[in-house]
Amino acid sequence: MIQHFFTAALIKSNGLSLTGKIIEKILDSGSFTIARAEPMTLSREQINSLYGAHMGMWYFDDLVDSVDHGVLAMALEGNDAVRIWRDLMGPRDPKSPLCQPHHIRWLARHQLRMIDNLVHGSDSANATERELTLLFGDSWVSAHYGRAPHPDVYLGNGTLREVWR
């Protein structure tokens, strides 16, 4: 099982236009490096696996639609990554009075549907392992299992911060 050094994170389809702001919040938190970031279109099978626990619920089709038009999949790295990422995302409902300006989902406070809350994150270490495997494959997960966080993050020819600004 992946230790609490990692969590899976998605910028959902409706959040892609805010990728720069979301990445900035992630990096400015000082809690994470981004071990991997990859734009991708999820297959229906991947979406069903990701959100299978919600299948049959009244909101399932909207949930599928929130990731059906491309996502930015990320592996975030840092101590207690699952808990800290969930705290940084904020409440599921961006219109909740508990959602504050420091939360990523605050950026979605004017969305019509709660499901359009910009981001997704693993809710446990078990979910992290399953979701990172689903997104990046067994070999990536195996190569990073139990590894302590790395201080440098690179994507392409520059740091992620330079690429996404």
C-alpha atoms as a PDB file:
ATOM      1  CA  MET A   1       0.000   0.000   0.000  1.00  0.00           C
ATOM      2  CA  ILE A   2       1.232   3.509  -0.773  1.00  0.00           C
ATOM      3  CA  GLN A   3       2.133   5.366   2.362  1.00  0.00           C
ATOM      4  CA  HIS A   4       0.800   8.803   3.205  1.00  0.00           C
ATOM      5  CA  PHE A   5       3.538  10.384   1.093  1.00  0.00           C
ATOM      6  CA  PHE A   6       1.215  10.365  -1.940  1.00  0.00           C
ATOM      7  CA  THR A   7      -2.307  11.189  -2.980  1.00  0.00           C
ATOM      8  CA  ALA A   8      -4.046  11.116  -6.335  1.00  0.00           C
ATOM      9  CA  ALA A   9      -5.480  14.418  -7.521  1.00  0.00           C
ATOM     10  CA  LEU A  10      -7.485  15.398 -10.576  1.00  0.00           C
ATOM     11  CA  ILE A  11      -8.295  18.773 -11.989  1.00  0.00           C
ATOM     12  CA  LYS A  12     -11.698  18.004 -13.467  1.00  0.00           C
ATOM     13  CA  SER A  13     -12.864  19.068 -16.922  1.00  0.00           C
ATOM     14  CA  ASN A  14     -14.531  22.263 -15.710  1.00  0.00           C
ATOM     15  CA  GLY A  15     -11.398  23.245 -13.770  1.00  0.00           C
ATOM     16  CA  LEU A  16      -8.910  22.972 -16.611  1.00  0.00           C
ATOM     17  CA  SER A  17      -9.257  26.665 -17.475  1.00  0.00           C
ATOM     18  CA  LEU A  18      -8.101  27.396 -13.904  1.00  0.00           C
ATOM     19  CA  THR A  19      -5.131  25.007 -13.977  1.00  0.00           C
ATOM     20  CA  GLY A  20      -2.579  27.759 -13.377  1.00  0.00           C
ATOM     21  CA  LYS A  21      -4.395  29.060 -10.296  1.00  0.00           C
ATOM     22  CA  ILE A  22      -4.940  25.540  -8.931  1.00  0.00           C
ATOM     23  CA  ILE A  23      -1.291  24.539  -9.438  1.00  0.00           C
ATOM     24  CA  GLU A  24      -0.227  27.776  -7.782  1.00  0.00           C
ATOM     25  CA  LYS A  25      -2.380  26.990  -4.728  1.00  0.00           C
ATOM     26  CA  ILE A  26      -0.897  23.480  -4.566  1.00  0.00           C
ATOM     27  CA  LEU A  27       2.702  24.695  -4.730  1.00  0.00           C
ATOM     28  CA  ASP A  28       2.161  27.755  -2.551  1.00  0.00           C
ATOM     29  CA  SER A  29       0.739  25.536   0.196  1.00  0.00           C
ATOM     30  CA  GLY A  30       4.301  24.340   0.799  1.00  0.00           C
ATOM     31  CA  SER A  31       2.927  20.863   1.500  1.00  0.00           C
ATOM     32  CA  PHE A  32       3.410  19.179  -1.863  1.00  0.00           C
ATOM     33  CA  THR A  33       5.570  18.535  -4.799  1.00  0.00           C
ATOM     34  CA  ILE A  34       3.940  17.218  -7.915  1.00  0.00           C
ATOM     35  CA  ALA A  35       5.537  13.860  -8.625  1.00  0.00           C
ATOM     36  CA  ARG A  36       3.659  13.417 -11.880  1.00  0.00           C
ATOM     37  CA  ALA A  37       1.166  15.470 -13.865  1.00  0.00           C
ATOM     38  CA  GLU A  38      -0.416  14.273 -17.070  1.00  0.00           C
ATOM     39  CA  PRO A  39      -3.320  15.623 -19.109  1.00  0.00           C
ATOM     40  CA  MET A  40      -5.537  12.717 -20.092  1.00  0.00           C
ATOM     41  CA  THR A  41      -8.941  11.680 -21.268  1.00  0.00           C
ATOM     42  CA  LEU A  42     -10.331   8.976 -19.033  1.00  0.00           C
ATOM     43  CA  SER A  43     -12.064   5.991 -20.572  1.00  0.00           C
ATOM     44  CA  ARG A  44     -15.555   5.090 -19.406  1.00  0.00           C
ATOM     45  CA  GLU A  45     -14.000   2.073 -17.648  1.00  0.00           C
ATOM     46  CA  GLN A  46     -11.556   4.317 -15.759  1.00  0.00           C
ATOM     47  CA  ILE A  47     -14.331   6.717 -14.777  1.00  0.00           C
ATOM     48  CA  ASN A  48     -16.518   3.862 -13.544  1.00  0.00           C
ATOM     49  CA  SER A  49     -13.594   2.510 -11.539  1.00  0.00           C
ATOM     50  CA  LEU A  50     -12.796   5.937 -10.098  1.00  0.00           C
ATOM     51  CA  TYR A  51     -16.387   6.693  -9.096  1.00  0.00           C
ATOM     52  CA  GLY A  52     -17.801   3.165  -8.828  1.00  0.00           C
ATOM     53  CA  ALA A  53     -18.889   3.688  -5.231  1.00  0.00           C
ATOM     54  CA  HIS A  54     -21.331   6.338  -6.481  1.00  0.00           C
ATOM     55  CA  MET A  55     -22.828   4.208  -9.272  1.00  0.00           C
ATOM     56  CA  GLY A  56     -26.619   4.164  -9.057  1.00  0.00           C
ATOM     57  CA  MET A  57     -26.781   7.432  -7.147  1.00  0.00           C
ATOM     58  CA  TRP A  58     -28.934  10.244  -8.576  1.00  0.00           C
ATOM     59  CA  TYR A  59     -25.853  12.396  -9.239  1.00  0.00           C
ATOM     60  CA  PHE A  60     -23.692   9.700 -10.909  1.00  0.00           C
ATOM     61  CA  ASP A  61     -24.219  10.913 -14.494  1.00  0.00           C
ATOM     62  CA  ASP A  62     -23.244  14.471 -13.512  1.00  0.00           C
ATOM     63  CA  LEU A  63     -20.192  13.123 -11.699  1.00  0.00           C
ATOM     64  CA  VAL A  64     -19.136  11.207 -14.822  1.00  0.00           C
ATOM     65  CA  ASP A  65     -19.720  14.333 -16.917  1.00  0.00           C
ATOM     66  CA  SER A  66     -17.422  16.329 -14.599  1.00  0.00           C
ATOM     67  CA  VAL A  67     -14.397  14.273 -15.743  1.00  0.00           C
ATOM     68  CA  ASP A  68     -15.562  13.094 -19.172  1.00  0.00           C
ATOM     69  CA  HIS A  69     -13.972  15.909 -21.192  1.00  0.00           C
ATOM     70  CA  GLY A  70     -10.367  15.585 -20.101  1.00  0.00           C
ATOM     71  CA  VAL A  71      -8.579  16.013 -16.779  1.00  0.00           C
ATOM     72  CA  LEU A  72      -5.154  16.812 -15.435  1.00  0.00           C
ATOM     73  CA  ALA A  73      -4.181  13.766 -13.385  1.00  0.00           C
ATOM     74  CA  MET A  74      -1.551  14.310 -10.707  1.00  0.00           C
ATOM     75  CA  ALA A  75       0.351  12.390  -8.076  1.00  0.00           C
ATOM     76  CA  LEU A  76       0.954  14.776  -5.193  1.00  0.00           C
ATOM     77  CA  GLU A  77       3.805  14.030  -2.839  1.00  0.00           C
ATOM     78  CA  GLY A  78       4.246  15.170   0.740  1.00  0.00           C
ATOM     79  CA  ASN A  79       3.831  14.121   4.338  1.00  0.00           C
ATOM     80  CA  ASP A  80       0.225  13.256   5.236  1.00  0.00           C
ATOM     81  CA  ALA A  81      -0.657  13.983   1.594  1.00  0.00           C
ATOM     82  CA  VAL A  82      -4.218  12.570   1.609  1.00  0.00           C
ATOM     83  CA  ARG A  83      -5.387  14.657   4.559  1.00  0.00           C
ATOM     84  CA  ILE A  84      -3.622  17.839   3.527  1.00  0.00           C
ATOM     85  CA  TRP A  85      -4.873  17.639  -0.086  1.00  0.00           C
ATOM     86  CA  ARG A  86      -8.435  17.110   1.117  1.00  0.00           C
ATOM     87  CA  ASP A  87      -8.070  20.130   3.424  1.00  0.00           C
ATOM     88  CA  LEU A  88      -6.693  22.252   0.576  1.00  0.00           C
ATOM     89  CA  MET A  89      -9.522  21.219  -1.781  1.00  0.00           C
ATOM     90  CA  GLY A  90     -12.117  22.325   0.756  1.00  0.00           C
ATOM     91  CA  PRO A  91     -15.738  21.189   1.128  1.00  0.00           C
ATOM     92  CA  ARG A  92     -17.374  19.315  -1.765  1.00  0.00           C
ATOM     93  CA  ASP A  93     -19.910  22.108  -2.145  1.00  0.00           C
ATOM     94  CA  PRO A  94     -18.116  25.310  -3.171  1.00  0.00           C
ATOM     95  CA  LYS A  95     -21.158  27.316  -2.026  1.00  0.00           C
ATOM     96  CA  SER A  96     -20.896  25.983   1.529  1.00  0.00           C
ATOM     97  CA  PRO A  97     -20.150  28.626   4.150  1.00  0.00           C
ATOM     98  CA  LEU A  98     -17.256  26.359   5.171  1.00  0.00           C
ATOM     99  CA  CYS A  99     -15.596  26.907   1.773  1.00  0.00           C
ATOM    100  CA  GLN A 100     -13.121  29.759   2.178  1.00  0.00           C
ATOM    101  CA  PRO A 101     -10.784  31.699  -0.169  1.00  0.00           C
ATOM    102  CA  HIS A 102      -7.787  29.498   0.698  1.00  0.00           C
ATOM    103  CA  HIS A 103      -9.631  26.393  -0.584  1.00  0.00           C
ATOM    104  CA  ILE A 104      -9.274  25.380  -4.221  1.00  0.00           C
ATOM    105  CA  ARG A 105     -13.014  24.793  -4.533  1.00  0.00           C
ATOM    106  CA  TRP A 106     -13.613  28.438  -3.585  1.00  0.00           C
ATOM    107  CA  LEU A 107     -12.687  29.160  -7.205  1.00  0.00           C
ATOM    108  CA  ALA A 108     -15.893  27.297  -8.198  1.00  0.00           C
ATOM    109  CA  ARG A 109     -18.254  29.170  -5.885  1.00  0.00           C
ATOM    110  CA  HIS A 110     -20.230  30.563  -8.852  1.00  0.00           C
ATOM    111  CA  GLN A 111     -20.850  27.158 -10.489  1.00  0.00           C
ATOM    112  CA  LEU A 112     -24.478  26.085 -10.796  1.00  0.00           C
ATOM    113  CA  ARG A 113     -23.943  22.462  -9.754  1.00  0.00           C
ATOM    114  CA  MET A 114     -22.129  21.222  -6.648  1.00  0.00           C
ATOM    115  CA  ILE A 115     -20.546  18.473  -8.766  1.00  0.00           C
ATOM    116  CA  ASP A 116     -18.624  21.143 -10.730  1.00  0.00           C
ATOM    117  CA  ASN A 117     -16.227  21.598  -7.831  1.00  0.00           C
ATOM    118  CA  LEU A 118     -13.023  21.604  -9.958  1.00  0.00           C
ATOM    119  CA  VAL A 119     -10.951  18.896  -8.272  1.00  0.00           C
ATOM    120  CA  HIS A 120     -10.936  15.316  -7.022  1.00  0.00           C
ATOM    121  CA  GLY A 121      -8.726  13.704  -4.407  1.00  0.00           C
ATOM    122  CA  SER A 122      -8.239  10.287  -2.893  1.00  0.00           C
ATOM    123  CA  ASP A 123      -9.974   9.824   0.448  1.00  0.00           C
ATOM    124  CA  SER A 124      -7.600   7.232   1.945  1.00  0.00           C
ATOM    125  CA  ALA A 125      -4.270   5.477   1.448  1.00  0.00           C
ATOM    126  CA  ASN A 126      -6.094   2.510  -0.127  1.00  0.00           C
ATOM    127  CA  ALA A 127      -7.922   4.795  -2.558  1.00  0.00           C
ATOM    128  CA  THR A 128      -4.636   6.527  -3.372  1.00  0.00           C
ATOM    129  CA  GLU A 129      -3.018   3.265  -4.408  1.00  0.00           C
ATOM    130  CA  ARG A 130      -6.024   2.228  -6.478  1.00  0.00           C
ATOM    131  CA  GLU A 131      -6.406   5.614  -8.164  1.00  0.00           C
ATOM    132  CA  LEU A 132      -2.700   6.144  -8.911  1.00  0.00           C
ATOM    133  CA  THR A 133      -2.572   2.647 -10.418  1.00  0.00           C
ATOM    134  CA  LEU A 134      -5.662   3.422 -12.486  1.00  0.00           C
ATOM    135  CA  LEU A 135      -4.184   6.704 -13.729  1.00  0.00           C
ATOM    136  CA  PHE A 136      -0.473   5.963 -14.104  1.00  0.00           C
ATOM    137  CA  GLY A 137      -0.148   2.168 -14.052  1.00  0.00           C
ATOM    138  CA  ASP A 138       1.346  -0.496 -11.811  1.00  0.00           C
ATOM    139  CA  SER A 139       4.936   0.194 -12.836  1.00  0.00           C
ATOM    140  CA  TRP A 140       4.780   3.863 -11.772  1.00  0.00           C
ATOM    141  CA  VAL A 141       3.184   2.965  -8.442  1.00  0.00           C
ATOM    142  CA  SER A 142       5.718   0.176  -7.818  1.00  0.00           C
ATOM    143  CA  ALA A 143       8.634   2.500  -8.583  1.00  0.00           C
ATOM    144  CA  HIS A 144       7.420   5.106  -6.094  1.00  0.00           C
ATOM    145  CA  TYR A 145       6.087   2.905  -3.287  1.00  0.00           C
ATOM    146  CA  GLY A 146       7.398   3.869   0.126  1.00  0.00           C
ATOM    147  CA  ARG A 147       9.730   6.539  -1.244  1.00  0.00           C
ATOM    148  CA  ALA A 148      10.085   9.674   0.842  1.00  0.00           C
ATOM    149  CA  PRO A 149       9.040  12.947  -0.828  1.00  0.00           C
ATOM    150  CA  HIS A 150      11.513  14.409  -3.304  1.00  0.00           C
ATOM    151  CA  PRO A 151      12.238  18.141  -3.049  1.00  0.00           C
ATOM    152  CA  ASP A 152      12.444  18.855  -6.806  1.00  0.00           C
ATOM    153  CA  VAL A 153       9.602  18.652  -9.285  1.00  0.00           C
ATOM    154  CA  TYR A 154      10.243  18.734 -12.997  1.00  0.00           C
ATOM    155  CA  LEU A 155       7.958  18.473 -15.966  1.00  0.00           C
ATOM    156  CA  GLY A 156       9.523  18.701 -19.377  1.00  0.00           C
ATOM    157  CA  ASN A 157      12.344  21.237 -19.459  1.00  0.00           C
ATOM    158  CA  GLY A 158      11.426  23.317 -16.408  1.00  0.00           C
ATOM    159  CA  THR A 159       9.839  23.237 -13.037  1.00  0.00           C
ATOM    160  CA  LEU A 160       6.130  22.669 -12.910  1.00  0.00           C
ATOM    161  CA  ARG A 161       5.626  26.188 -11.564  1.00  0.00           C
ATOM    162  CA  GLU A 162       7.298  27.649 -14.673  1.00  0.00           C
ATOM    163  CA  VAL A 163       5.363  25.404 -17.044  1.00  0.00           C
ATOM    164  CA  TRP A 164       1.905  26.124 -15.617  1.00  0.00           C
ATOM    165  CA  ARG A 165       2.128  29.895 -15.092  1.00  0.00           C
END
